[in-house]
Structures are given as structure tokens and as C-alpha cells.
Amino acid sequence: MGADGAQIGIVSTQDALRRAQEQDLDLVEVAPQASPPVARIMDYGKYKYERDIRMKEARKKQARVEVKEIKFRPKIDPHDYATKKGHVERFLRAGARVKVTIMFRGREMAHTELGRRILDRLVNDLEGLAVVEAAPKQDGRNMVMVIAPTKKQVAAARAEQPRPREPRAEDAGRHEPRAEEPLPADSGAMEPEAEPVKAEPAASTTEQG
């Protein structure tokens, strides 16, 4: 492929290197497993720089999702149920997922429907605040269900997160801010899929990713 993304067709490696050299660009193998392998003419340094910027922005947007766990007994009394439900609500309002576990002991295993009723009751009580992410299922002596906050609740939790403090005028004399240096073109958080084949024949190398 050319620098503009247009298909050039099947050419020899020497011809592809010559084309890259004429444009003062790099020849990068982007699909070595293909037959024949696919290469693209590009400014590899610029490509890596832009890719790293995109990855950095994506990491900033990723929300860290916590998973909390709360445990119930099948014969829990109303006061304890209300207390534990309050904990679940607090976790959900903070944007966390919640793993709800019903623990059975001894003869309680013969009445697992009691645990299912508690889970169904909890889901009904949290209507509008949570959605069921993993339906109740029996896991040995436990019955497990995972609930997650609604999209509206997740957005509200993100909005409530503290923002970095803006610099104040009185802080200006304490230290001089250091300007951030631009990310070097050859730096990156991940290794590239393939290193470019340099256009100069004397220094050409090929490394498959």
C-alpha cells in the first residue's frame, strides 16, 4: 500500500524499497502472515507517535471498575437485610459492581429457593439503580449473582469523582512549572508490529512482529 492508503499491487521488495526511498519514507510490513506479505509505505516515526497518543488517551478514558462482595444467609433477619442492602446501594452509587453471595449451611442446602428469593427481592429493591450482570447460579454451597450499576449511575459516579486542583496564584512563586517535553517519535508503550525497512539499501533491516 502507498502512503495514502491506495493499493499498489504486488511488487518486489526492491521495487517497494525504491518507492519508499523516493518519498523519503519507510517500508513497513503490516501483515507478514498474508500471502504475499503486505507492506505499507509510511512515516513510521509519525505513525508510532500518533499511535502512542491514541493509546494514552484511551487509557485515560478507561474507568477502573471495582468488584465488591456482600454475603447473605438464607434466613437473614429484616434488620440485617436492610443493613446489607444499604452497603450494596453505597457500592453501586460509587460505580462498583457487586457480587452477592448466599451462603448455605447443612440442611439449608435442601431449601436453596430461599436464597433465590433473597436475590430476587434485592434486585427488585434496587430497580433503577442496578442491573443483573450475571444471573444467580449455584456454586457449591453458595448461590452467586453479580449486579452492576446502571449506565446513568456510572455516569453520576464519574461526575462526582474529585478533579485535580487548579493551580492558584499564590502557588506561582513556590516553584517553576516544568514544561512537558513532546513524546519522542521513537518512544512507545508497546513494541510495534514490525520495524520499518529503511529506504537506504546500506542500512536496510527487516524485523517481523
N, C-alpha and C. Protein backbone atom coordinates (compact mmCIF):
# COMPACT_ATOMS: atom_id res chain seq x y z
N MET A 1 0.84 -1.19 0.00
CA MET A 1 0.00 0.00 0.00
C MET A 1 0.88 1.24 0.00
N GLY A 2 0.37 2.31 -0.62
CA GLY A 2 1.10 3.54 -0.65
C GLY A 2 0.89 4.35 0.60
N ALA A 3 1.56 5.50 0.68
CA ALA A 3 1.46 6.36 1.85
C ALA A 3 0.05 6.89 2.04
N ASP A 4 -0.72 7.00 0.95
CA ASP A 4 -2.09 7.49 1.04
C ASP A 4 -3.10 6.37 1.25
N GLY A 5 -2.63 5.14 1.45
CA GLY A 5 -3.52 4.01 1.67
C GLY A 5 -3.99 3.33 0.40
N ALA A 6 -3.60 3.85 -0.75
CA ALA A 6 -4.03 3.25 -2.01
C ALA A 6 -3.28 1.94 -2.28
N GLN A 7 -3.95 1.00 -2.90
CA GLN A 7 -3.35 -0.29 -3.22
C GLN A 7 -2.39 -0.14 -4.41
N ILE A 8 -1.17 -0.56 -4.22
CA ILE A 8 -0.17 -0.51 -5.30
C ILE A 8 -0.16 -1.81 -6.08
N GLY A 9 -0.40 -2.91 -5.38
CA GLY A 9 -0.36 -4.20 -6.03
C GLY A 9 0.88 -4.98 -5.60
N ILE A 10 1.08 -6.12 -6.21
CA ILE A 10 2.20 -6.99 -5.87
C ILE A 10 3.45 -6.50 -6.59
N VAL A 11 4.47 -6.13 -5.79
CA VAL A 11 5.75 -5.68 -6.35
C VAL A 11 6.87 -6.36 -5.58
N SER A 12 8.08 -6.33 -6.12
CA SER A 12 9.23 -6.92 -5.44
C SER A 12 9.65 -6.05 -4.27
N THR A 13 10.40 -6.65 -3.35
CA THR A 13 10.90 -5.90 -2.20
C THR A 13 11.78 -4.75 -2.65
N GLN A 14 12.60 -4.98 -3.65
CA GLN A 14 13.48 -3.92 -4.14
C GLN A 14 12.68 -2.75 -4.71
N ASP A 15 11.62 -3.07 -5.45
CA ASP A 15 10.79 -2.02 -6.03
C ASP A 15 10.09 -1.23 -4.92
N ALA A 16 9.60 -1.95 -3.90
CA ALA A 16 8.91 -1.28 -2.79
C ALA A 16 9.88 -0.37 -2.03
N LEU A 17 11.12 -0.85 -1.81
CA LEU A 17 12.13 -0.02 -1.15
C LEU A 17 12.43 1.23 -1.97
N ARG A 18 12.50 1.06 -3.27
CA ARG A 18 12.79 2.20 -4.13
C ARG A 18 11.67 3.24 -4.03
N ARG A 19 10.44 2.77 -4.05
CA ARG A 19 9.30 3.69 -3.95
C ARG A 19 9.34 4.45 -2.62
N ALA A 20 9.67 3.74 -1.53
CA ALA A 20 9.75 4.40 -0.23
C ALA A 20 10.88 5.41 -0.20
N GLN A 21 12.01 5.05 -0.80
CA GLN A 21 13.17 5.94 -0.83
C GLN A 21 12.87 7.22 -1.60
N GLU A 22 12.14 7.09 -2.67
CA GLU A 22 11.81 8.25 -3.49
C GLU A 22 10.95 9.25 -2.73
N GLN A 23 10.15 8.74 -1.78
CA GLN A 23 9.27 9.62 -1.00
C GLN A 23 9.86 9.96 0.37
N ASP A 24 11.12 9.48 0.63
CA ASP A 24 11.78 9.71 1.91
C ASP A 24 10.93 9.16 3.06
N LEU A 25 10.37 7.97 2.85
CA LEU A 25 9.53 7.33 3.86
C LEU A 25 10.07 5.94 4.17
N ASP A 26 9.34 5.19 5.02
CA ASP A 26 9.74 3.85 5.44
C ASP A 26 8.83 2.81 4.81
N LEU A 27 9.35 1.61 4.65
CA LEU A 27 8.57 0.47 4.17
C LEU A 27 8.32 -0.43 5.37
N VAL A 28 7.06 -0.57 5.77
CA VAL A 28 6.70 -1.31 6.98
C VAL A 28 5.84 -2.51 6.61
N GLU A 29 6.23 -3.68 7.09
CA GLU A 29 5.46 -4.90 6.86
C GLU A 29 4.33 -4.94 7.88
N VAL A 30 3.09 -4.85 7.44
CA VAL A 30 1.94 -4.77 8.34
C VAL A 30 1.19 -6.09 8.47
N ALA A 31 1.38 -7.00 7.54
CA ALA A 31 0.70 -8.31 7.60
C ALA A 31 1.64 -9.38 7.09
N PRO A 32 2.62 -9.78 7.93
CA PRO A 32 3.59 -10.78 7.48
C PRO A 32 3.00 -12.16 7.23
N GLN A 33 1.85 -12.47 7.85
CA GLN A 33 1.25 -13.80 7.68
C GLN A 33 0.51 -13.93 6.36
N ALA A 34 0.22 -12.80 5.72
CA ALA A 34 -0.52 -12.85 4.46
C ALA A 34 0.36 -13.43 3.35
N SER A 35 -0.28 -13.90 2.30
CA SER A 35 0.46 -14.46 1.17
C SER A 35 -0.01 -13.79 -0.12
N PRO A 36 0.81 -12.91 -0.70
CA PRO A 36 2.14 -12.50 -0.22
C PRO A 36 2.02 -11.52 0.95
N PRO A 37 3.11 -11.32 1.72
CA PRO A 37 3.06 -10.38 2.85
C PRO A 37 2.66 -8.98 2.40
N VAL A 38 1.98 -8.26 3.27
CA VAL A 38 1.52 -6.91 2.95
C VAL A 38 2.42 -5.89 3.63
N ALA A 39 2.88 -4.91 2.87
CA ALA A 39 3.71 -3.83 3.40
C ALA A 39 3.08 -2.50 3.04
N ARG A 40 3.45 -1.48 3.80
CA ARG A 40 2.90 -0.15 3.55
C ARG A 40 4.01 0.89 3.62
N ILE A 41 3.95 1.85 2.72
CA ILE A 41 4.88 2.96 2.75
C ILE A 41 4.32 4.02 3.69
N MET A 42 5.10 4.43 4.69
CA MET A 42 4.61 5.39 5.67
C MET A 42 5.77 6.07 6.38
N ASP A 43 5.43 7.13 7.10
CA ASP A 43 6.38 7.77 8.01
C ASP A 43 6.25 7.04 9.33
N TYR A 44 7.15 6.07 9.57
CA TYR A 44 6.97 5.18 10.71
C TYR A 44 7.08 5.92 12.03
N GLY A 45 7.97 6.91 12.12
CA GLY A 45 8.09 7.66 13.36
C GLY A 45 6.81 8.40 13.69
N LYS A 46 6.19 9.02 12.69
CA LYS A 46 4.93 9.72 12.91
C LYS A 46 3.83 8.74 13.29
N TYR A 47 3.84 7.57 12.65
CA TYR A 47 2.83 6.55 12.95
C TYR A 47 2.90 6.11 14.41
N LYS A 48 4.13 5.84 14.89
CA LYS A 48 4.30 5.41 16.27
C LYS A 48 3.87 6.49 17.24
N TYR A 49 4.23 7.73 16.95
CA TYR A 49 3.88 8.84 17.82
C TYR A 49 2.37 8.99 17.94
N GLU A 50 1.67 8.98 16.81
CA GLU A 50 0.22 9.13 16.84
C GLU A 50 -0.45 7.94 17.52
N ARG A 51 0.11 6.74 17.31
CA ARG A 51 -0.47 5.56 17.95
C ARG A 51 -0.32 5.64 19.46
N ASP A 52 0.84 6.09 19.93
CA ASP A 52 1.06 6.20 21.37
C ASP A 52 0.15 7.25 22.00
N ILE A 53 -0.10 8.33 21.28
CA ILE A 53 -1.01 9.35 21.78
C ILE A 53 -2.42 8.78 21.92
N ARG A 54 -2.85 8.02 20.91
CA ARG A 54 -4.18 7.41 20.97
C ARG A 54 -4.29 6.43 22.12
N MET A 55 -3.26 5.64 22.35
CA MET A 55 -3.28 4.68 23.44
C MET A 55 -3.33 5.38 24.79
N LYS A 56 -2.59 6.47 24.91
CA LYS A 56 -2.58 7.22 26.17
C LYS A 56 -3.95 7.82 26.46
N GLU A 57 -4.60 8.35 25.42
CA GLU A 57 -5.93 8.91 25.60
C GLU A 57 -6.94 7.83 25.96
N ALA A 58 -6.79 6.65 25.35
CA ALA A 58 -7.71 5.55 25.65
C ALA A 58 -7.57 5.10 27.09
N ARG A 59 -6.33 5.07 27.60
CA ARG A 59 -6.12 4.68 28.99
C ARG A 59 -6.75 5.68 29.95
N LYS A 60 -6.73 6.96 29.59
CA LYS A 60 -7.33 7.98 30.45
C LYS A 60 -8.84 7.81 30.55
N LYS A 61 -9.44 7.34 29.44
CA LYS A 61 -10.89 7.20 29.40
C LYS A 61 -11.38 5.91 30.05
N GLN A 62 -10.48 4.98 30.26
CA GLN A 62 -10.88 3.71 30.84
C GLN A 62 -11.23 3.90 32.31
N ALA A 63 -12.41 3.48 32.68
CA ALA A 63 -12.83 3.60 34.07
C ALA A 63 -12.42 2.35 34.84
N ARG A 64 -11.87 2.56 36.00
CA ARG A 64 -11.48 1.44 36.83
C ARG A 64 -12.70 0.91 37.56
N VAL A 65 -13.12 -0.30 37.21
CA VAL A 65 -14.33 -0.88 37.77
C VAL A 65 -13.95 -1.83 38.89
N GLU A 66 -14.45 -1.54 40.07
CA GLU A 66 -14.19 -2.40 41.22
C GLU A 66 -15.32 -3.41 41.37
N VAL A 67 -15.00 -4.54 41.98
CA VAL A 67 -16.00 -5.56 42.28
C VAL A 67 -16.02 -5.77 43.79
N LYS A 68 -17.12 -5.42 44.40
CA LYS A 68 -17.31 -5.62 45.83
C LYS A 68 -18.11 -6.90 46.05
N GLU A 69 -18.01 -7.45 47.25
CA GLU A 69 -18.78 -8.65 47.57
C GLU A 69 -19.53 -8.47 48.87
N ILE A 70 -20.76 -8.90 48.87
CA ILE A 70 -21.59 -8.86 50.07
C ILE A 70 -22.23 -10.24 50.24
N LYS A 71 -22.27 -10.73 51.47
CA LYS A 71 -22.76 -12.09 51.73
C LYS A 71 -24.03 -12.06 52.57
N PHE A 72 -24.97 -12.91 52.19
CA PHE A 72 -26.24 -13.06 52.89
C PHE A 72 -26.39 -14.50 53.37
N ARG A 73 -27.22 -14.68 54.38
CA ARG A 73 -27.65 -16.02 54.79
C ARG A 73 -29.09 -16.20 54.34
N PRO A 74 -29.52 -17.41 54.01
CA PRO A 74 -30.89 -17.62 53.51
C PRO A 74 -31.98 -17.25 54.53
N LYS A 75 -31.63 -17.25 55.83
CA LYS A 75 -32.62 -16.90 56.86
C LYS A 75 -32.25 -15.59 57.54
N ILE A 76 -31.76 -14.64 56.76
CA ILE A 76 -31.35 -13.36 57.30
C ILE A 76 -32.55 -12.60 57.84
N ASP A 77 -32.36 -11.89 58.97
CA ASP A 77 -33.48 -11.15 59.56
C ASP A 77 -33.63 -9.80 58.84
N PRO A 78 -34.79 -9.19 58.95
CA PRO A 78 -35.07 -7.95 58.21
C PRO A 78 -34.05 -6.83 58.48
N HIS A 79 -33.60 -6.68 59.72
CA HIS A 79 -32.66 -5.61 60.04
C HIS A 79 -31.32 -5.82 59.33
N ASP A 80 -30.82 -7.05 59.37
CA ASP A 80 -29.55 -7.35 58.69
C ASP A 80 -29.69 -7.19 57.18
N TYR A 81 -30.85 -7.58 56.67
CA TYR A 81 -31.06 -7.44 55.22
C TYR A 81 -31.00 -5.96 54.84
N ALA A 82 -31.68 -5.12 55.61
CA ALA A 82 -31.69 -3.69 55.29
C ALA A 82 -30.28 -3.10 55.37
N THR A 83 -29.49 -3.55 56.36
CA THR A 83 -28.12 -3.05 56.51
C THR A 83 -27.27 -3.44 55.31
N LYS A 84 -27.35 -4.71 54.92
CA LYS A 84 -26.54 -5.19 53.80
C LYS A 84 -27.00 -4.57 52.49
N LYS A 85 -28.30 -4.37 52.34
CA LYS A 85 -28.80 -3.72 51.14
C LYS A 85 -28.26 -2.29 51.06
N GLY A 86 -28.14 -1.63 52.20
CA GLY A 86 -27.56 -0.29 52.23
C GLY A 86 -26.12 -0.29 51.75
N HIS A 87 -25.36 -1.32 52.14
CA HIS A 87 -23.98 -1.43 51.66
C HIS A 87 -23.94 -1.60 50.14
N VAL A 88 -24.84 -2.45 49.64
CA VAL A 88 -24.89 -2.69 48.20
C VAL A 88 -25.21 -1.38 47.47
N GLU A 89 -26.16 -0.63 47.97
CA GLU A 89 -26.52 0.64 47.35
C GLU A 89 -25.33 1.58 47.33
N ARG A 90 -24.59 1.63 48.43
CA ARG A 90 -23.43 2.52 48.51
C ARG A 90 -22.38 2.12 47.47
N PHE A 91 -22.15 0.81 47.33
CA PHE A 91 -21.17 0.34 46.34
C PHE A 91 -21.61 0.73 44.93
N LEU A 92 -22.89 0.52 44.63
CA LEU A 92 -23.40 0.82 43.29
C LEU A 92 -23.33 2.31 42.99
N ARG A 93 -23.65 3.14 43.97
CA ARG A 93 -23.60 4.59 43.76
C ARG A 93 -22.17 5.07 43.53
N ALA A 94 -21.20 4.28 44.02
CA ALA A 94 -19.80 4.62 43.78
C ALA A 94 -19.31 4.10 42.43
N GLY A 95 -20.21 3.40 41.69
CA GLY A 95 -19.84 2.90 40.36
C GLY A 95 -19.25 1.51 40.36
N ALA A 96 -19.32 0.78 41.49
CA ALA A 96 -18.72 -0.55 41.57
C ALA A 96 -19.75 -1.63 41.25
N ARG A 97 -19.26 -2.74 40.72
CA ARG A 97 -20.08 -3.93 40.56
C ARG A 97 -20.12 -4.65 41.90
N VAL A 98 -21.16 -5.43 42.13
CA VAL A 98 -21.32 -6.12 43.41
C VAL A 98 -21.60 -7.60 43.18
N LYS A 99 -20.80 -8.44 43.83
CA LYS A 99 -21.03 -9.88 43.81
C LYS A 99 -21.81 -10.23 45.07
N VAL A 100 -23.02 -10.71 44.88
CA VAL A 100 -23.90 -11.05 46.00
C VAL A 100 -23.87 -12.56 46.20
N THR A 101 -23.51 -12.99 47.40
CA THR A 101 -23.37 -14.42 47.68
C THR A 101 -24.33 -14.84 48.78
N ILE A 102 -25.10 -15.90 48.53
CA ILE A 102 -25.95 -16.51 49.55
C ILE A 102 -25.22 -17.76 50.05
N MET A 103 -24.94 -17.83 51.33
CA MET A 103 -24.20 -18.96 51.91
C MET A 103 -25.17 -19.92 52.59
N PHE A 104 -25.10 -21.19 52.16
CA PHE A 104 -25.95 -22.23 52.75
C PHE A 104 -25.11 -23.12 53.66
N ARG A 105 -25.73 -23.56 54.73
CA ARG A 105 -25.06 -24.47 55.66
C ARG A 105 -25.99 -25.65 55.99
N GLY A 106 -25.37 -26.82 56.06
CA GLY A 106 -26.10 -28.02 56.49
C GLY A 106 -27.38 -28.24 55.72
N ARG A 107 -28.51 -28.34 56.46
CA ARG A 107 -29.79 -28.65 55.83
C ARG A 107 -30.34 -27.51 54.98
N GLU A 108 -29.73 -26.35 55.09
CA GLU A 108 -30.19 -25.24 54.25
C GLU A 108 -30.02 -25.54 52.77
N MET A 109 -29.12 -26.48 52.44
CA MET A 109 -28.91 -26.83 51.04
C MET A 109 -30.16 -27.45 50.43
N ALA A 110 -31.06 -27.94 51.26
CA ALA A 110 -32.30 -28.54 50.76
C ALA A 110 -33.33 -27.47 50.43
N HIS A 111 -33.04 -26.22 50.76
CA HIS A 111 -34.00 -25.14 50.51
C HIS A 111 -33.30 -23.96 49.85
N THR A 112 -32.65 -24.24 48.74
CA THR A 112 -31.93 -23.17 48.04
C THR A 112 -32.87 -22.11 47.47
N GLU A 113 -34.18 -22.46 47.38
CA GLU A 113 -35.13 -21.47 46.86
C GLU A 113 -35.22 -20.25 47.78
N LEU A 114 -34.87 -20.44 49.07
CA LEU A 114 -34.89 -19.31 49.99
C LEU A 114 -33.82 -18.28 49.60
N GLY A 115 -32.68 -18.78 49.20
CA GLY A 115 -31.63 -17.88 48.76
C GLY A 115 -32.01 -17.16 47.48
N ARG A 116 -32.67 -17.88 46.58
CA ARG A 116 -33.09 -17.25 45.32
C ARG A 116 -34.11 -16.14 45.59
N ARG A 117 -34.97 -16.35 46.59
CA ARG A 117 -35.95 -15.31 46.90
C ARG A 117 -35.27 -14.03 47.40
N ILE A 118 -34.21 -14.21 48.17
CA ILE A 118 -33.48 -13.04 48.68
C ILE A 118 -32.86 -12.27 47.52
N LEU A 119 -32.27 -13.00 46.59
CA LEU A 119 -31.64 -12.33 45.44
C LEU A 119 -32.69 -11.62 44.58
N ASP A 120 -33.81 -12.28 44.35
CA ASP A 120 -34.87 -11.64 43.57
C ASP A 120 -35.40 -10.40 44.28
N ARG A 121 -35.53 -10.50 45.60
CA ARG A 121 -36.00 -9.35 46.39
C ARG A 121 -35.01 -8.19 46.29
N LEU A 122 -33.72 -8.52 46.36
CA LEU A 122 -32.70 -7.48 46.28
C LEU A 122 -32.73 -6.78 44.93
N VAL A 123 -32.89 -7.55 43.86
CA VAL A 123 -32.96 -6.95 42.52
C VAL A 123 -34.16 -6.02 42.41
N ASN A 124 -35.29 -6.44 42.96
CA ASN A 124 -36.48 -5.59 42.92
C ASN A 124 -36.28 -4.32 43.73
N ASP A 125 -35.64 -4.44 44.89
CA ASP A 125 -35.41 -3.27 45.75
C ASP A 125 -34.43 -2.28 45.11
N LEU A 126 -33.57 -2.77 44.24
CA LEU A 126 -32.56 -1.91 43.61
C LEU A 126 -32.94 -1.51 42.19
N GLU A 127 -34.21 -1.67 41.85
CA GLU A 127 -34.66 -1.33 40.50
C GLU A 127 -34.36 0.14 40.19
N GLY A 128 -33.77 0.37 39.04
CA GLY A 128 -33.39 1.72 38.66
C GLY A 128 -31.98 2.09 39.06
N LEU A 129 -31.41 1.32 39.98
CA LEU A 129 -30.05 1.59 40.43
C LEU A 129 -29.07 0.55 39.91
N ALA A 130 -29.56 -0.69 39.70
CA ALA A 130 -28.66 -1.78 39.29
C ALA A 130 -29.32 -2.65 38.24
N VAL A 131 -28.48 -3.36 37.50
CA VAL A 131 -28.93 -4.36 36.55
C VAL A 131 -28.19 -5.66 36.84
N VAL A 132 -28.82 -6.78 36.52
CA VAL A 132 -28.20 -8.08 36.76
C VAL A 132 -27.19 -8.35 35.65
N GLU A 133 -25.93 -8.51 36.02
CA GLU A 133 -24.88 -8.78 35.04
C GLU A 133 -24.65 -10.28 34.90
N ALA A 134 -24.76 -11.02 36.01
CA ALA A 134 -24.64 -12.48 35.99
C ALA A 134 -25.78 -13.04 36.82
N ALA A 135 -26.66 -13.79 36.17
CA ALA A 135 -27.83 -14.33 36.85
C ALA A 135 -27.42 -15.28 37.98
N PRO A 136 -28.29 -15.45 38.98
CA PRO A 136 -27.97 -16.34 40.11
C PRO A 136 -27.66 -17.76 39.64
N LYS A 137 -26.61 -18.33 40.21
CA LYS A 137 -26.25 -19.71 39.91
C LYS A 137 -25.65 -20.35 41.15
N GLN A 138 -25.86 -21.65 41.27
CA GLN A 138 -25.36 -22.39 42.41
C GLN A 138 -23.88 -22.71 42.22
N ASP A 139 -23.07 -22.40 43.22
CA ASP A 139 -21.64 -22.68 43.18
C ASP A 139 -21.26 -23.38 44.48
N GLY A 140 -21.39 -24.72 44.47
CA GLY A 140 -21.14 -25.48 45.69
C GLY A 140 -22.20 -25.17 46.73
N ARG A 141 -21.77 -24.70 47.89
CA ARG A 141 -22.71 -24.34 48.95
C ARG A 141 -23.14 -22.88 48.88
N ASN A 142 -22.76 -22.21 47.83
CA ASN A 142 -23.12 -20.81 47.68
C ASN A 142 -23.97 -20.60 46.43
N MET A 143 -24.78 -19.56 46.47
CA MET A 143 -25.51 -19.10 45.29
C MET A 143 -24.99 -17.69 45.00
N VAL A 144 -24.55 -17.47 43.78
CA VAL A 144 -23.85 -16.22 43.45
C VAL A 144 -24.58 -15.47 42.34
N MET A 145 -24.63 -14.16 42.50
CA MET A 145 -25.20 -13.27 41.49
C MET A 145 -24.33 -12.01 41.43
N VAL A 146 -24.16 -11.46 40.24
CA VAL A 146 -23.38 -10.23 40.08
C VAL A 146 -24.30 -9.16 39.51
N ILE A 147 -24.32 -8.01 40.18
CA ILE A 147 -25.11 -6.88 39.70
C ILE A 147 -24.17 -5.71 39.42
N ALA A 148 -24.59 -4.86 38.52
CA ALA A 148 -23.76 -3.71 38.13
C ALA A 148 -24.61 -2.46 38.13
N PRO A 149 -24.01 -1.31 38.37
CA PRO A 149 -24.79 -0.07 38.34
C PRO A 149 -25.29 0.23 36.94
N THR A 150 -26.41 0.91 36.84
CA THR A 150 -26.93 1.30 35.54
C THR A 150 -25.99 2.33 34.90
N LYS A 151 -26.13 2.51 33.59
CA LYS A 151 -25.28 3.48 32.89
C LYS A 151 -25.45 4.87 33.47
N LYS A 152 -26.67 5.20 33.85
CA LYS A 152 -26.94 6.52 34.45
C LYS A 152 -26.19 6.67 35.76
N GLN A 153 -26.17 5.59 36.55
CA GLN A 153 -25.48 5.65 37.83
C GLN A 153 -23.97 5.71 37.65
N VAL A 154 -23.44 5.00 36.65
CA VAL A 154 -22.00 5.05 36.38
C VAL A 154 -21.59 6.46 35.99
N ALA A 155 -22.41 7.11 35.15
CA ALA A 155 -22.11 8.48 34.74
C ALA A 155 -22.14 9.43 35.92
N ALA A 156 -23.09 9.21 36.84
CA ALA A 156 -23.18 10.06 38.03
C ALA A 156 -21.97 9.86 38.93
N ALA A 157 -21.52 8.61 39.05
CA ALA A 157 -20.36 8.33 39.90
C ALA A 157 -19.10 8.98 39.33
N ARG A 158 -18.96 8.96 38.01
CA ARG A 158 -17.79 9.58 37.40
C ARG A 158 -17.82 11.09 37.58
N ALA A 159 -19.03 11.66 37.52
CA ALA A 159 -19.14 13.11 37.67
C ALA A 159 -18.79 13.55 39.07
N GLU A 160 -18.99 12.66 40.05
CA GLU A 160 -18.70 13.01 41.44
C GLU A 160 -17.24 12.80 41.82
N GLN A 161 -16.45 12.19 40.93
CA GLN A 161 -15.05 11.97 41.25
C GLN A 161 -14.33 13.30 41.35
N PRO A 162 -13.43 13.46 42.36
CA PRO A 162 -12.72 14.73 42.53
C PRO A 162 -11.81 15.02 41.35
N ARG A 163 -11.80 16.27 40.94
CA ARG A 163 -10.94 16.69 39.85
C ARG A 163 -9.64 17.28 40.40
N PRO A 164 -8.56 17.24 39.60
CA PRO A 164 -7.29 17.80 40.06
C PRO A 164 -7.44 19.28 40.39
N ARG A 165 -6.79 19.72 41.45
CA ARG A 165 -6.87 21.10 41.89
C ARG A 165 -6.19 22.03 40.91
N GLU A 166 -6.89 23.10 40.55
CA GLU A 166 -6.32 24.07 39.63
C GLU A 166 -5.24 24.87 40.35
N PRO A 167 -4.14 25.19 39.69
CA PRO A 167 -3.08 25.97 40.33
C PRO A 167 -3.58 27.35 40.70
N ARG A 168 -3.22 27.81 41.91
CA ARG A 168 -3.62 29.11 42.38
C ARG A 168 -2.50 30.12 42.18
N ALA A 169 -2.88 31.42 42.26
CA ALA A 169 -1.91 32.47 42.01
C ALA A 169 -0.80 32.45 43.05
N GLU A 170 -1.18 32.12 44.32
CA GLU A 170 -0.17 32.13 45.38
C GLU A 170 0.83 31.00 45.27
N ASP A 171 0.48 29.99 44.44
CA ASP A 171 1.42 28.88 44.27
C ASP A 171 2.46 29.17 43.20
N ALA A 172 2.27 30.28 42.46
CA ALA A 172 3.14 30.52 41.32
C ALA A 172 4.59 30.72 41.74
N GLY A 173 4.82 31.34 42.93
CA GLY A 173 6.19 31.62 43.34
C GLY A 173 6.89 30.47 44.02
N ARG A 174 6.18 29.40 44.28
CA ARG A 174 6.77 28.28 45.02
C ARG A 174 7.72 27.46 44.15
N HIS A 175 7.35 27.27 42.92
CA HIS A 175 8.23 26.53 42.02
C HIS A 175 7.86 26.86 40.60
N GLU A 176 8.77 26.72 39.75
CA GLU A 176 8.54 26.97 38.34
C GLU A 176 7.99 25.70 37.69
N PRO A 177 6.86 25.79 37.04
CA PRO A 177 6.34 24.58 36.37
C PRO A 177 7.27 24.14 35.25
N ARG A 178 7.43 22.87 35.13
CA ARG A 178 8.28 22.30 34.10
C ARG A 178 7.45 21.95 32.89
N ALA A 179 7.80 22.51 31.77
CA ALA A 179 7.05 22.24 30.54
C ALA A 179 7.26 20.80 30.13
N GLU A 180 6.17 20.18 29.70
CA GLU A 180 6.27 18.79 29.27
C GLU A 180 6.95 18.73 27.92
N GLU A 181 7.85 17.80 27.79
CA GLU A 181 8.55 17.61 26.53
C GLU A 181 7.69 16.77 25.61
N PRO A 182 7.69 17.05 24.34
CA PRO A 182 6.89 16.22 23.41
C PRO A 182 7.39 14.80 23.39
N LEU A 183 6.48 13.89 23.22
CA LEU A 183 6.84 12.48 23.17
C LEU A 183 7.73 12.21 21.97
N PRO A 184 8.91 11.66 22.18
CA PRO A 184 9.79 11.37 21.05
C PRO A 184 9.12 10.46 20.05
N ALA A 185 9.49 10.62 18.82
CA ALA A 185 8.83 9.84 17.76
C ALA A 185 9.08 8.37 17.89
N ASP A 186 10.19 7.97 18.51
CA ASP A 186 10.52 6.54 18.56
C ASP A 186 10.18 5.92 19.89
N SER A 187 9.44 6.62 20.74
CA SER A 187 9.07 6.02 22.02
C SER A 187 7.70 5.41 21.90
N GLY A 188 7.38 4.49 22.81
CA GLY A 188 6.07 3.87 22.76
C GLY A 188 5.91 2.90 23.89
N ALA A 189 4.63 2.72 24.33
CA ALA A 189 4.37 1.81 25.42
C ALA A 189 4.42 0.37 24.97
N MET A 190 4.27 0.13 23.66
CA MET A 190 4.28 -1.23 23.15
C MET A 190 5.24 -1.32 21.98
N GLU A 191 5.74 -2.49 21.78
CA GLU A 191 6.61 -2.70 20.64
C GLU A 191 5.77 -2.70 19.37
N PRO A 192 6.25 -2.13 18.27
CA PRO A 192 5.46 -2.10 17.03
C PRO A 192 5.31 -3.49 16.46
N GLU A 193 4.28 -3.61 15.62
CA GLU A 193 4.06 -4.90 14.99
C GLU A 193 5.25 -5.31 14.13
N ALA A 194 5.89 -4.35 13.49
CA ALA A 194 7.04 -4.66 12.66
C ALA A 194 7.88 -3.41 12.51
N GLU A 195 9.18 -3.54 12.60
CA GLU A 195 10.08 -2.41 12.41
C GLU A 195 10.17 -2.10 10.92
N PRO A 196 10.38 -0.82 10.58
CA PRO A 196 10.42 -0.46 9.16
C PRO A 196 11.67 -0.97 8.48
N VAL A 197 11.53 -1.17 7.20
CA VAL A 197 12.69 -1.48 6.37
C VAL A 197 13.21 -0.16 5.84
N LYS A 198 14.38 0.27 6.27
CA LYS A 198 14.91 1.57 5.89
C LYS A 198 15.07 1.65 4.37
N ALA A 199 14.81 2.85 3.90
CA ALA A 199 14.85 3.04 2.45
C ALA A 199 16.27 2.97 1.91
N GLU A 200 17.29 3.37 2.73
CA GLU A 200 18.66 3.32 2.25
C GLU A 200 19.12 1.88 2.20
N PRO A 201 19.55 1.40 1.08
CA PRO A 201 19.96 -0.02 0.97
C PRO A 201 21.04 -0.39 1.95
N ALA A 202 21.96 0.52 2.26
CA ALA A 202 23.09 0.20 3.10
C ALA A 202 22.67 -0.06 4.52
N ALA A 203 21.50 0.51 4.96
CA ALA A 203 21.11 0.38 6.36
C ALA A 203 19.77 -0.31 6.51
N SER A 204 19.35 -1.03 5.46
CA SER A 204 18.03 -1.65 5.49
C SER A 204 18.04 -2.87 6.37
N THR A 205 16.99 -2.97 7.23
CA THR A 205 16.79 -4.13 8.10
C THR A 205 15.32 -4.51 8.06
N THR A 206 15.04 -5.76 8.36
CA THR A 206 13.65 -6.23 8.37
C THR A 206 13.44 -7.05 9.61
N GLU A 207 12.39 -6.70 10.37
CA GLU A 207 12.09 -7.47 11.57
C GLU A 207 10.60 -7.72 11.59
N GLN A 208 10.23 -8.94 11.68
CA GLN A 208 8.82 -9.28 11.69
C GLN A 208 8.31 -9.24 13.11
N GLY A 209 7.07 -8.68 13.25
CA GLY A 209 6.48 -8.58 14.56
C GLY A 209 5.65 -9.79 14.87
